[in-house]
Structure formats: C-alpha cells, structure tokens
Amino acid sequence: QVRLVESGGGLVQAGGSLRLSCAASRNIFNFIAMGWYRQAPGKQRELVAQISSGGVTNYLDSVKGRFTISNDGARNTVGLQMNSLKPEDSAVYYCKMVAPGSVFWGLGTQVTVSS
C-alpha cells in the first residue's frame, strides 16, 4: 500500500500564489502518472493537472497558463504551482498516483481563495 501526503494548502487572496506538494510513502518506480484533482462543495471531483512518467502534462482548461505541475519521478513527489488564483479555484485538492493495477489517493488539502 502507498500513502500519499499532500501539503501546502491554505488561505490566499485572489491573485496570490500557493504551491502544493504530494509525497508518496515509498517509491513506485513503475508509476504511470501523478496528478491533482479538486472538489468544491456540491461539485464533482475534477482533474486539475496530470503528469505522466514520461513528462507529458495535461491541464484543466481554466487553469492553463496559471498552474504548473512538476514531478520528481525518482522520489515520487509531485508539485502544483498555482499562480493568479481566483475564488473559483477554492476546493479540496487531492493528489493521485496511478500505477499498474493500482490507484492511490491522498486525503486532500484545502485551498481557499478570498475575493
């Protein structure tokens, strides 16, 4: 079993920045992808950004140009730099890792953007 631990959430004013980090409890050398999802109250969980083991990234349209995902594959960590934050970015952000035959989720970290 792999445990994912997120950090870096918090309260920020609109236009500000936050950086989220996610670390796996042990190395998964054959992971397929790592990514960030978010879920706001009353809404479905949605993919924010994802990076494959080969470095291919994809982003939710509304965060393109503002958010950047990065990972250290050797240490199974993934970060999300969030700039120019908007109130609509407020949500619980979850880290996810996909490995052959397995999917792991973190417990989430709250991001709140005040207007």
Protein backbone atom coordinates (compact mmCIF):
# COMPACT_ATOMS: atom_id res chain seq x y z
CA GLN A 1 0.00 0.00 0.00
CA VAL A 2 1.16 3.53 -0.76
CA ARG A 3 0.18 6.57 1.25
CA LEU A 4 0.11 9.97 -0.41
CA VAL A 5 0.53 13.03 1.78
CA GLU A 6 -0.38 16.49 0.48
CA SER A 7 0.85 19.78 1.90
CA GLY A 8 0.82 23.46 1.01
CA GLY A 9 -2.85 24.34 1.06
CA GLY A 10 -4.20 27.37 2.84
CA LEU A 11 -5.94 30.70 2.55
CA VAL A 12 -4.79 33.24 -0.02
CA GLN A 13 -6.20 36.39 -1.57
CA ALA A 14 -7.27 36.46 -5.19
CA GLY A 15 -4.26 36.98 -7.42
CA GLY A 16 -1.95 35.25 -4.99
CA SER A 17 0.01 32.02 -5.27
CA LEU A 18 0.27 28.70 -3.49
CA ARG A 19 2.38 25.64 -4.08
CA LEU A 20 1.02 22.19 -3.30
CA SER A 21 3.25 19.19 -2.76
CA CYS A 22 2.50 15.50 -2.60
CA ALA A 23 4.86 12.81 -1.44
CA ALA A 24 4.44 9.05 -1.65
CA SER A 25 5.31 6.91 1.36
CA ARG A 26 7.51 4.67 -0.78
CA ASN A 27 8.94 4.68 -4.25
CA ILE A 28 6.85 3.31 -7.08
CA PHE A 29 9.34 3.09 -9.87
CA ASN A 30 6.83 2.00 -12.50
CA PHE A 31 4.16 4.59 -11.81
CA ILE A 32 2.14 5.67 -14.82
CA ALA A 33 1.05 9.16 -13.82
CA MET A 34 0.61 11.51 -10.90
CA GLY A 35 -1.82 14.34 -10.73
CA TRP A 36 -4.02 16.75 -8.84
CA TYR A 37 -7.78 16.76 -8.65
CA ARG A 38 -10.06 19.16 -6.83
CA GLN A 39 -13.54 19.07 -5.44
CA ALA A 40 -15.56 22.09 -4.41
CA PRO A 41 -18.70 21.77 -2.26
CA GLY A 42 -21.61 20.45 -4.28
CA LYS A 43 -19.46 19.76 -7.33
CA GLN A 44 -17.86 16.68 -8.82
CA ARG A 45 -14.20 15.98 -8.41
CA GLU A 46 -12.30 17.20 -11.47
CA LEU A 47 -8.85 16.74 -12.89
CA VAL A 48 -6.73 19.87 -12.48
CA ALA A 49 -3.39 18.71 -13.82
CA GLN A 50 -1.62 15.46 -14.53
CA ILE A 51 1.90 14.44 -15.48
CA SER A 52 2.91 11.07 -16.87
CA SER A 53 6.06 9.19 -16.02
CA GLY A 54 7.34 10.39 -19.38
CA GLY A 55 6.71 14.03 -18.53
CA VAL A 56 3.59 14.57 -20.62
CA THR A 57 1.26 17.04 -18.94
CA ASN A 58 -2.36 17.99 -19.30
CA TYR A 59 -4.37 20.67 -17.58
CA LEU A 60 -7.93 21.71 -16.93
CA ASP A 61 -8.67 24.48 -19.41
CA SER A 62 -9.47 27.02 -16.71
CA VAL A 63 -6.03 26.67 -15.08
CA LYS A 64 -3.86 26.65 -18.19
CA GLY A 65 -1.25 29.37 -18.02
CA ARG A 66 -1.74 29.78 -14.27
CA PHE A 67 -0.90 26.36 -12.81
CA THR A 68 2.20 24.26 -13.41
CA ILE A 69 2.62 20.63 -12.44
CA SER A 70 6.02 19.08 -11.88
CA ASN A 71 7.31 15.83 -10.52
CA ASP A 72 10.40 14.13 -9.26
CA GLY A 73 9.91 10.63 -10.55
CA ALA A 74 12.83 9.21 -8.62
CA ARG A 75 11.22 10.25 -5.34
CA ASN A 76 7.58 10.00 -6.38
CA THR A 77 6.73 13.54 -5.47
CA VAL A 78 4.51 15.87 -7.43
CA GLY A 79 4.05 19.59 -7.04
CA LEU A 80 1.48 22.07 -8.27
CA GLN A 81 2.45 25.70 -8.53
CA MET A 82 -0.71 27.80 -8.57
CA ASN A 83 -0.46 31.44 -9.60
CA SER A 84 -3.06 34.14 -10.20
CA LEU A 85 -5.51 32.28 -8.01
CA LYS A 86 -9.20 33.00 -8.30
CA PRO A 87 -12.04 32.44 -5.83
CA GLU A 88 -13.36 29.71 -8.13
CA ASP A 89 -10.14 27.77 -7.52
CA SER A 90 -11.25 27.21 -3.93
CA ALA A 91 -11.63 23.48 -3.27
CA VAL A 92 -10.10 20.50 -1.59
CA TYR A 93 -7.16 19.42 -3.72
CA TYR A 94 -6.31 15.72 -3.91
CA CYS A 95 -3.16 14.03 -5.08
CA LYS A 96 -3.50 10.87 -7.16
CA MET A 97 -0.99 8.29 -8.33
CA VAL A 98 -1.68 5.70 -11.00
CA ALA A 99 0.47 2.59 -11.06
CA PRO A 100 -0.05 -0.70 -12.92
CA GLY A 101 -3.11 -2.27 -11.35
CA SER A 102 -3.42 0.35 -8.61
CA VAL A 103 -4.69 3.86 -7.96
CA PHE A 104 -3.79 5.78 -4.82
CA TRP A 105 -5.33 8.96 -3.40
CA GLY A 106 -4.24 11.39 -0.77
CA LEU A 107 -6.60 12.74 1.88
CA GLY A 108 -6.68 16.21 0.38
CA THR A 109 -5.62 19.72 1.30
CA GLN A 110 -7.92 22.73 1.45
CA VAL A 111 -7.28 25.72 -0.80
CA THR A 112 -9.36 28.81 -0.14
CA VAL A 113 -9.08 31.92 -2.29
CA SER A 114 -10.72 35.05 -0.92
CA SER A 115 -12.00 37.80 -3.18
